[in-house]
Amino acid sequence: MLLALALGCSAMLTSPAHAQSKAADALNEEAFRALKNGENERARQLLLEAHQRDPHPKYEWNLANAERLSGHDVDALAHFRHYLRSPLASPEKRQTTLAHIEALEKKVGRIDVDAPEGTAIWLDGRDTGKKTPLDNPLDVEPGTRSVEGRRDGKIAKVTVQTDAGKLANARLKFETTTTALAPLPPVAFPTPDPEPAPRPADRDTGSGLACPKSGACVGLTIGTAVIGAAGLIGLGVFQTQANSASSDADAFHAQGGRCDGGDASGCARLRELEDDHTSKLTLSRVSGAVGAASLITAGVLFFAWPKAKKETGARLIPIVSPTARGLGVEGRF
């Protein structure tokens, strides 16, 4: 009784797998007939279904060969390489497989992706299922390819030109969050109190420069402050332009631009980007230095410059009244 039950359960478990294997064999035989008739694409479709039903290495090798014959070089290369890693791979087919791999590597392009660790890689709008760092460069059909990286909700994208048998580089740069330099608000200064009219006995005894809060001095202070604010704004503007020129140079490299002695236009463009970056960086530093110096000068004018001193003086005033006569003293002490 128990033996019969065990045999029944075994049959139930193995029956579906056996049916799939038989179906895969039938598809494999039909694919061979299609290959003999020159129907390479139809054979590829049949073997693709056979491999999905039964992932045995023999079906994978036949699928890779049909992909090679039908012009699906990238898929054929991937399946041949996977076949060699299987412990069930046939030793007799090893040399033939290696020869096919060598020939296919000369027909496809390769892209080395440079991106932060953990970046999900998409190729031509499709998820490759791979994340950086990659074990090997991406195998692609020669031509213009779109490489996209996704990480922490951000997307970086670059277009790469690939050639058969050559390695291209895709550098993915994620934009960092930056705060734009806002224009400085106008500097507000308190309205100076009117100076009292000088008295005859008053005279200036201050030594050195003096800058009372008169109209001319306040105007000089405000003008200096405005120059300082303009210098800081120039620092932000020119620094932004320098960063943009640097990004353009990086993009030029990533898009295949090179200056190896054979591409005069590429060299000229690269020099133009580098010169633009250098000039904008110099202007930003000069603007920042002028702005800082001007603001410091304005602060000195407003807060630290010594004020004019007044000399103390006195004068005698006669006093005459019905009850008294004499002299009084008037002045500042």
Protein backbone atom coordinates (compact mmCIF):
# COMPACT_ATOMS: atom_id res chain seq x y z
CA MET A 1 0.00 0.00 0.00
CA LEU A 2 2.73 2.44 1.01
CA LEU A 3 4.86 1.47 -1.98
CA ALA A 4 1.99 2.10 -4.37
CA LEU A 5 1.33 5.49 -2.78
CA ALA A 6 5.02 6.47 -3.07
CA LEU A 7 5.17 5.45 -6.72
CA GLY A 8 2.01 7.42 -7.43
CA CYS A 9 3.41 10.58 -5.81
CA SER A 10 6.68 10.16 -7.71
CA ALA A 11 4.81 9.89 -10.98
CA MET A 12 2.80 13.02 -10.18
CA LEU A 13 5.98 14.98 -9.44
CA THR A 14 7.98 13.84 -12.47
CA SER A 15 5.19 13.84 -15.04
CA PRO A 16 5.08 17.64 -15.68
CA ALA A 17 8.89 17.88 -16.00
CA HIS A 18 8.92 14.92 -18.37
CA ALA A 19 6.20 16.52 -20.47
CA GLN A 20 8.18 19.77 -20.70
CA SER A 21 11.31 17.88 -21.72
CA LYS A 22 9.43 16.04 -24.47
CA ALA A 23 7.95 19.31 -25.73
CA ALA A 24 11.43 20.89 -25.74
CA ASP A 25 12.79 17.93 -27.75
CA ALA A 26 10.02 18.32 -30.32
CA LEU A 27 10.72 22.04 -30.66
CA ASN A 28 14.47 21.35 -30.95
CA GLU A 29 13.91 18.87 -33.82
CA GLU A 30 11.62 21.32 -35.62
CA ALA A 31 14.27 24.05 -35.21
CA PHE A 32 16.91 21.83 -36.85
CA ARG A 33 14.65 21.37 -39.86
CA ALA A 34 14.15 25.14 -40.04
CA LEU A 35 17.93 25.71 -39.96
CA LYS A 36 18.41 23.25 -42.84
CA ASN A 37 15.87 25.24 -44.85
CA GLY A 38 17.66 28.52 -44.08
CA GLU A 39 14.89 29.73 -41.75
CA ASN A 40 17.27 31.00 -39.10
CA GLU A 41 14.89 33.42 -37.40
CA ARG A 42 12.13 30.80 -37.12
CA ALA A 43 14.65 28.34 -35.70
CA ARG A 44 15.67 30.95 -33.11
CA GLN A 45 12.07 31.43 -31.98
CA LEU A 46 11.54 27.65 -31.68
CA LEU A 47 14.74 27.16 -29.67
CA LEU A 48 13.92 30.10 -27.43
CA GLU A 49 10.67 28.37 -26.47
CA ALA A 50 12.47 25.03 -26.06
CA HIS A 51 15.00 26.61 -23.68
CA GLN A 52 12.20 28.23 -21.68
CA ARG A 53 10.50 24.83 -21.28
CA ASP A 54 13.73 23.00 -20.38
CA PRO A 55 16.85 25.07 -19.51
CA HIS A 56 19.22 22.22 -20.33
CA PRO A 57 22.60 23.41 -21.73
CA LYS A 58 22.07 21.53 -25.01
CA TYR A 59 19.07 23.72 -25.82
CA GLU A 60 20.98 26.85 -24.77
CA TRP A 61 23.87 26.04 -27.11
CA ASN A 62 21.48 25.41 -30.02
CA LEU A 63 19.69 28.69 -29.19
CA ALA A 64 23.01 30.61 -29.13
CA ASN A 65 23.96 29.16 -32.50
CA ALA A 66 20.59 30.09 -34.03
CA GLU A 67 20.99 33.64 -32.62
CA ARG A 68 24.45 33.85 -34.18
CA LEU A 69 23.12 32.76 -37.57
CA SER A 70 20.12 35.12 -37.41
CA GLY A 71 22.20 38.21 -36.52
CA HIS A 72 21.36 38.48 -32.80
CA ASP A 73 25.02 38.81 -31.89
CA VAL A 74 24.65 40.24 -28.37
CA ASP A 75 22.19 37.51 -27.29
CA ALA A 76 24.32 34.80 -28.89
CA LEU A 77 27.43 36.03 -27.06
CA ALA A 78 25.61 36.02 -23.71
CA HIS A 79 24.23 32.48 -24.21
CA PHE A 80 27.57 31.03 -25.40
CA ARG A 81 29.33 32.47 -22.33
CA HIS A 82 26.64 31.13 -20.00
CA TYR A 83 26.87 27.71 -21.64
CA LEU A 84 30.59 27.48 -20.86
CA ARG A 85 29.92 28.14 -17.16
CA SER A 86 27.52 25.18 -16.89
CA PRO A 87 28.91 21.94 -15.40
CA LEU A 88 26.76 20.05 -17.92
CA ALA A 89 28.40 21.72 -20.93
CA SER A 90 29.81 19.28 -23.47
CA PRO A 91 33.65 19.23 -23.50
CA GLU A 92 33.55 18.43 -27.25
CA LYS A 93 31.87 21.77 -27.96
CA ARG A 94 34.21 23.88 -25.82
CA GLN A 95 36.66 24.83 -28.58
CA THR A 96 33.86 25.56 -31.04
CA THR A 97 32.11 27.71 -28.43
CA LEU A 98 35.29 29.69 -27.69
CA ALA A 99 35.78 30.32 -31.41
CA HIS A 100 32.21 31.62 -31.72
CA ILE A 101 32.74 33.91 -28.70
CA GLU A 102 35.96 35.34 -30.17
CA ALA A 103 34.26 36.04 -33.50
CA LEU A 104 31.21 37.65 -31.87
CA GLU A 105 33.32 39.93 -29.65
CA LYS A 106 34.71 41.52 -32.82
CA LYS A 107 31.19 42.27 -34.08
CA VAL A 108 29.66 43.89 -30.98
CA GLY A 109 30.48 47.10 -29.12
CA ARG A 110 31.27 47.30 -25.42
CA ILE A 111 30.43 50.03 -22.88
CA ASP A 112 32.26 50.50 -19.60
CA VAL A 113 29.91 52.26 -17.17
CA ASP A 114 31.38 54.67 -14.61
CA ALA A 115 28.77 55.47 -11.94
CA PRO A 116 28.40 55.52 -8.14
CA GLU A 117 28.08 52.12 -6.50
CA GLY A 118 24.57 50.66 -6.48
CA THR A 119 23.38 52.49 -9.61
CA ALA A 120 20.81 50.48 -11.61
CA ILE A 121 21.77 50.46 -15.30
CA TRP A 122 19.24 50.84 -18.12
CA LEU A 123 20.22 50.44 -21.78
CA ASP A 124 18.14 51.98 -24.58
CA GLY A 125 15.19 52.36 -22.19
CA ARG A 126 15.31 48.78 -20.86
CA ASP A 127 16.43 47.63 -17.43
CA THR A 128 19.54 45.43 -17.74
CA GLY A 129 19.01 44.03 -14.25
CA LYS A 130 22.58 45.03 -13.38
CA LYS A 131 23.98 47.47 -10.83
CA THR A 132 27.39 49.11 -10.53
CA PRO A 133 30.10 48.11 -10.17
CA LEU A 134 29.67 45.85 -13.21
CA ASP A 135 31.70 42.65 -13.47
CA ASN A 136 32.21 43.24 -17.21
CA PRO A 137 31.41 45.98 -19.74
CA LEU A 138 28.00 45.89 -21.41
CA ASP A 139 27.85 44.12 -24.80
CA VAL A 140 25.79 46.19 -27.26
CA GLU A 141 24.99 46.43 -30.94
CA PRO A 142 27.30 48.99 -32.64
CA GLY A 143 25.81 52.45 -33.04
CA THR A 144 24.37 55.17 -30.81
CA ARG A 145 23.31 53.79 -27.44
CA SER A 146 21.50 55.44 -24.55
CA VAL A 147 22.86 54.55 -21.10
CA GLU A 148 20.81 55.52 -18.06
CA GLY A 149 21.54 55.22 -14.35
CA ARG A 150 18.97 55.29 -11.55
CA ARG A 151 19.89 55.77 -7.92
CA ASP A 152 18.12 57.22 -4.85
CA GLY A 153 15.28 58.57 -6.97
CA LYS A 154 17.66 60.40 -9.32
CA ILE A 155 18.33 59.67 -13.00
CA ALA A 156 21.53 60.31 -14.95
CA LYS A 157 21.61 59.73 -18.71
CA VAL A 158 24.28 59.84 -21.40
CA THR A 159 24.42 58.96 -25.11
CA VAL A 160 27.39 56.86 -26.26
CA GLN A 161 28.66 56.06 -29.76
CA THR A 162 29.87 52.45 -29.94
CA ASP A 163 31.92 50.74 -32.65
CA ALA A 164 32.33 47.04 -33.39
CA GLY A 165 35.10 45.44 -31.37
CA LYS A 166 35.85 48.62 -29.39
CA LEU A 167 35.27 49.78 -25.83
CA ALA A 168 33.40 53.03 -25.10
CA ASN A 169 32.98 54.77 -21.75
CA ALA A 170 29.71 55.99 -20.24
CA ARG A 171 30.22 58.33 -17.30
CA LEU A 172 27.03 58.92 -15.32
CA LYS A 173 27.02 62.02 -13.11
CA PHE A 174 24.12 62.72 -10.78
CA GLU A 175 23.31 66.37 -10.19
CA THR A 176 24.00 67.51 -6.63
CA THR A 177 21.59 69.78 -4.82
CA THR A 178 22.97 73.30 -4.82
CA THR A 179 21.65 76.60 -3.49
CA ALA A 180 21.70 79.42 -5.99
CA LEU A 181 23.51 82.56 -4.92
CA ALA A 182 20.75 85.14 -4.40
CA PRO A 183 21.43 88.85 -4.98
CA LEU A 184 22.33 90.66 -1.79
CA PRO A 185 19.63 93.05 -0.49
CA PRO A 186 20.38 96.77 -0.54
CA VAL A 187 22.38 97.92 2.46
CA ALA A 188 20.23 100.13 4.69
CA PHE A 189 21.96 102.85 6.66
CA PRO A 190 20.36 105.07 9.31
CA THR A 191 19.59 108.64 8.30
CA PRO A 192 22.28 110.87 9.79
CA ASP A 193 21.20 113.51 12.30
CA PRO A 194 21.83 117.07 11.13
CA GLU A 195 25.01 118.54 12.49
CA PRO A 196 24.53 121.60 14.66
CA ALA A 197 25.82 124.88 13.27
CA PRO A 198 29.38 125.53 14.47
CA ARG A 199 29.71 128.11 17.20
CA PRO A 200 32.34 130.83 16.89
CA ALA A 201 34.45 129.33 19.64
CA ASP A 202 34.37 125.81 18.14
CA ARG A 203 37.13 124.61 15.91
CA ASP A 204 38.26 121.15 14.68
CA THR A 205 41.25 119.80 16.59
CA GLY A 206 41.03 116.18 15.42
CA SER A 207 44.23 114.66 14.15
CA GLY A 208 44.36 112.55 10.98
CA LEU A 209 41.29 111.74 8.83
CA ALA A 210 37.80 112.29 10.15
CA CYS A 211 34.53 111.12 8.59
CA PRO A 212 31.44 112.54 10.32
CA LYS A 213 28.10 111.15 9.12
CA SER A 214 27.70 113.85 6.53
CA GLY A 215 26.09 113.38 3.11
CA ALA A 216 29.42 112.91 1.32
CA CYS A 217 30.70 110.32 3.77
CA VAL A 218 27.45 108.32 3.76
CA GLY A 219 27.43 108.37 -0.04
CA LEU A 220 30.99 107.02 -0.12
CA THR A 221 30.06 104.25 2.34
CA ILE A 222 26.97 103.19 0.38
CA GLY A 223 28.87 103.23 -2.93
CA THR A 224 31.60 101.02 -1.49
CA ALA A 225 28.99 98.59 -0.12
CA VAL A 226 27.24 98.39 -3.50
CA ILE A 227 30.55 97.55 -5.19
CA GLY A 228 31.09 94.80 -2.60
CA ALA A 229 27.64 93.32 -3.23
CA ALA A 230 28.21 93.40 -6.99
CA GLY A 231 31.53 91.61 -6.50
CA LEU A 232 29.90 88.78 -4.54
CA ILE A 233 27.17 88.43 -7.17
CA GLY A 234 29.88 88.26 -9.84
CA LEU A 235 31.58 85.53 -7.80
CA GLY A 236 28.41 83.40 -7.95
CA VAL A 237 27.73 84.07 -11.64
CA PHE A 238 31.26 83.36 -12.87
CA GLN A 239 31.62 80.30 -10.60
CA THR A 240 28.41 78.88 -12.08
CA GLN A 241 29.70 79.51 -15.63
CA ALA A 242 33.03 77.84 -14.74
CA ASN A 243 31.21 74.77 -13.42
CA SER A 244 29.09 74.67 -16.59
CA ALA A 245 32.21 74.75 -18.79
CA SER A 246 33.71 71.91 -16.74
CA SER A 247 30.51 69.86 -17.16
CA ASP A 248 30.56 70.51 -20.92
CA ALA A 249 34.14 69.18 -21.10
CA ASP A 250 33.14 66.05 -19.19
CA ALA A 251 30.14 65.56 -21.50
CA PHE A 252 32.43 66.02 -24.52
CA HIS A 253 34.65 63.17 -23.24
CA ALA A 254 31.66 60.97 -22.41
CA GLN A 255 30.20 61.39 -25.91
CA GLY A 256 33.36 60.05 -27.48
CA GLY A 257 35.17 63.35 -27.96
CA ARG A 258 38.88 62.90 -28.00
CA CYS A 259 42.11 64.75 -28.71
CA ASP A 260 44.57 62.07 -29.74
CA GLY A 261 46.36 64.00 -32.43
CA GLY A 262 44.12 62.85 -35.25
CA ASP A 263 41.02 64.90 -34.56
CA ALA A 264 41.82 68.61 -34.95
CA SER A 265 38.24 69.73 -34.40
CA GLY A 266 38.04 67.64 -31.22
CA CYS A 267 41.25 69.23 -29.89
CA ALA A 268 40.01 72.73 -30.71
CA ARG A 269 36.71 72.12 -28.98
CA LEU A 270 38.41 70.66 -25.90
CA ARG A 271 40.82 73.61 -25.67
CA GLU A 272 37.92 76.04 -26.04
CA LEU A 273 36.06 74.39 -23.13
CA GLU A 274 39.18 74.33 -20.94
CA ASP A 275 40.00 78.00 -21.69
CA ASP A 276 36.42 79.02 -20.93
CA HIS A 277 36.53 77.17 -17.59
CA THR A 278 39.87 78.79 -16.63
CA SER A 279 38.78 82.36 -17.53
CA LYS A 280 35.44 82.08 -15.71
CA LEU A 281 37.16 80.64 -12.62
CA THR A 282 39.67 83.53 -12.60
CA LEU A 283 36.88 86.12 -12.94
CA SER A 284 34.94 84.53 -10.08
CA ARG A 285 37.99 84.72 -7.78
CA VAL A 286 38.72 88.35 -8.71
CA SER A 287 35.06 89.32 -8.21
CA GLY A 288 34.99 87.60 -4.83
CA ALA A 289 38.18 89.36 -3.68
CA VAL A 290 36.97 92.80 -4.82
CA GLY A 291 33.57 92.24 -3.24
CA ALA A 292 35.02 91.17 0.12
CA ALA A 293 37.50 94.05 0.20
CA SER A 294 34.77 96.59 -0.67
CA LEU A 295 32.42 95.36 2.05
CA ILE A 296 35.20 95.49 4.64
CA THR A 297 36.03 99.05 3.55
CA ALA A 298 32.36 100.06 3.85
CA GLY A 299 32.25 98.63 7.37
CA VAL A 300 35.34 100.59 8.35
CA LEU A 301 33.86 103.79 6.94
CA PHE A 302 30.62 103.35 8.83
CA PHE A 303 31.72 101.95 12.17
CA ALA A 304 35.45 102.44 12.76
CA TRP A 305 36.48 105.75 11.17
CA PRO A 306 37.21 108.37 13.86
CA LYS A 307 34.80 111.28 14.15
CA ALA A 308 35.73 114.94 14.31
CA LYS A 309 36.55 116.31 17.74
CA LYS A 310 35.47 119.65 19.02
CA GLU A 311 37.66 121.95 21.12
CA THR A 312 36.23 123.15 24.39
CA GLY A 313 35.90 126.90 24.74
CA ALA A 314 34.38 129.58 27.00
CA ARG A 315 33.46 133.25 26.86
CA LEU A 316 32.47 135.93 29.33
CA ILE A 317 28.94 137.39 29.25
CA PRO A 318 28.06 140.53 31.22
CA ILE A 319 25.07 140.18 33.60
CA VAL A 320 23.02 143.27 34.40
CA SER A 321 19.81 143.14 36.47
CA PRO A 322 18.00 145.42 38.94
CA THR A 323 19.46 143.47 41.81
CA ALA A 324 22.87 142.35 40.52
CA ARG A 325 25.71 143.16 38.23
CA GLY A 326 28.61 140.92 37.18
CA LEU A 327 30.08 138.51 34.59
CA GLY A 328 28.90 135.02 33.48
CA VAL A 329 30.84 132.23 31.73
CA GLU A 330 29.39 130.42 28.70
CA GLY A 331 30.97 127.56 26.77
CA ARG A 332 31.58 123.76 26.42
CA PHE A 333 33.73 121.90 28.93
